[in-house]
């Protein structure tokens, strides 16, 4: 993906992509999307609700990954 294309993706798109990939079981892809959502939330003026949502999604994913390691 080009830098121009990446910069046009919104927080909502990253967040939704992460949720979709998480539901499909693509935990690595979901993690990448949630991290990108965190970066976007911070870049976009630090919206605390977006940031909290993204951090919560990443935490849930990390918890799920821990379950797969057992």
Protein backbone atom coordinates (compact mmCIF):
# COMPACT_ATOMS: atom_id res chain seq x y z
CA UNK A 1 0.00 0.00 0.00
CA UNK A 2 1.39 3.39 -0.91
CA UNK A 3 1.92 6.12 1.66
CA UNK A 4 -0.80 8.19 -0.02
CA UNK A 5 -3.30 5.35 0.14
CA UNK A 6 -2.40 4.59 3.75
CA UNK A 7 -2.87 8.21 4.79
CA UNK A 8 -6.39 8.30 3.35
CA UNK A 9 -7.57 5.40 5.54
CA UNK A 10 -9.59 6.62 8.49
CA UNK A 11 -9.59 5.42 12.08
CA UNK A 12 -12.99 3.86 11.48
CA UNK A 13 -11.67 1.84 8.55
CA UNK A 14 -8.68 0.54 10.51
CA UNK A 15 -10.88 -0.30 13.46
CA UNK A 16 -13.50 -2.08 11.34
CA UNK A 17 -10.82 -3.99 9.43
CA UNK A 18 -9.30 -5.11 12.72
CA UNK A 19 -12.67 -6.31 14.00
CA UNK A 20 -13.39 -8.19 10.78
CA UNK A 21 -9.98 -9.87 10.73
CA UNK A 22 -10.29 -10.73 14.43
CA UNK A 23 -13.66 -12.38 13.80
CA UNK A 24 -12.16 -14.31 10.88
CA UNK A 25 -9.32 -15.56 13.10
CA UNK A 26 -6.56 -13.53 11.42
CA UNK A 27 -5.05 -12.34 14.68
CA UNK A 28 -1.82 -11.01 13.12
CA UNK A 29 -3.75 -8.95 10.57
CA UNK A 30 -6.15 -7.72 13.23
CA UNK A 31 -3.24 -6.66 15.43
CA UNK A 32 -1.73 -4.67 12.57
CA UNK A 33 -5.07 -2.94 11.94
CA UNK A 34 -5.64 -2.15 15.63
CA UNK A 35 -2.12 -0.73 15.98
CA UNK A 36 -2.76 1.41 12.88
CA UNK A 37 -6.05 2.56 14.45
CA UNK A 38 -4.18 3.58 17.61
CA UNK A 39 -1.66 5.56 15.56
CA UNK A 40 -4.47 7.20 13.59
CA UNK A 41 -6.42 8.07 16.77
CA UNK A 42 -3.32 9.73 18.21
CA UNK A 43 -2.49 11.49 14.93
CA UNK A 44 -6.01 12.83 14.48
CA UNK A 45 -5.75 15.03 17.55
CA UNK A 46 -5.80 12.33 20.16
CA UNK A 47 -9.53 11.62 20.29
CA UNK A 48 -9.77 9.86 23.69
CA UNK A 49 -12.78 7.74 22.76
CA UNK A 50 -11.18 6.45 19.57
CA UNK A 51 -7.93 5.80 21.38
CA UNK A 52 -9.68 3.97 24.23
CA UNK A 53 -11.67 1.85 21.78
CA UNK A 54 -8.56 0.91 19.81
CA UNK A 55 -6.58 0.07 22.93
CA UNK A 56 -9.46 -2.04 24.20
CA UNK A 57 -9.66 -3.92 20.92
CA UNK A 58 -5.91 -4.59 20.99
CA UNK A 59 -6.12 -5.75 24.61
CA UNK A 60 -8.94 -8.15 23.74
CA UNK A 61 -6.90 -9.51 20.84
CA UNK A 62 -3.83 -10.00 23.07
CA UNK A 63 -5.99 -11.84 25.59
CA UNK A 64 -7.30 -14.08 22.80
CA UNK A 65 -3.74 -14.78 21.60
CA UNK A 66 -2.80 -15.87 25.11
CA UNK A 67 -5.64 -18.38 25.03
CA UNK A 68 -4.28 -19.86 21.79
CA UNK A 69 -0.86 -20.40 23.33
CA UNK A 70 -2.20 -22.80 25.98
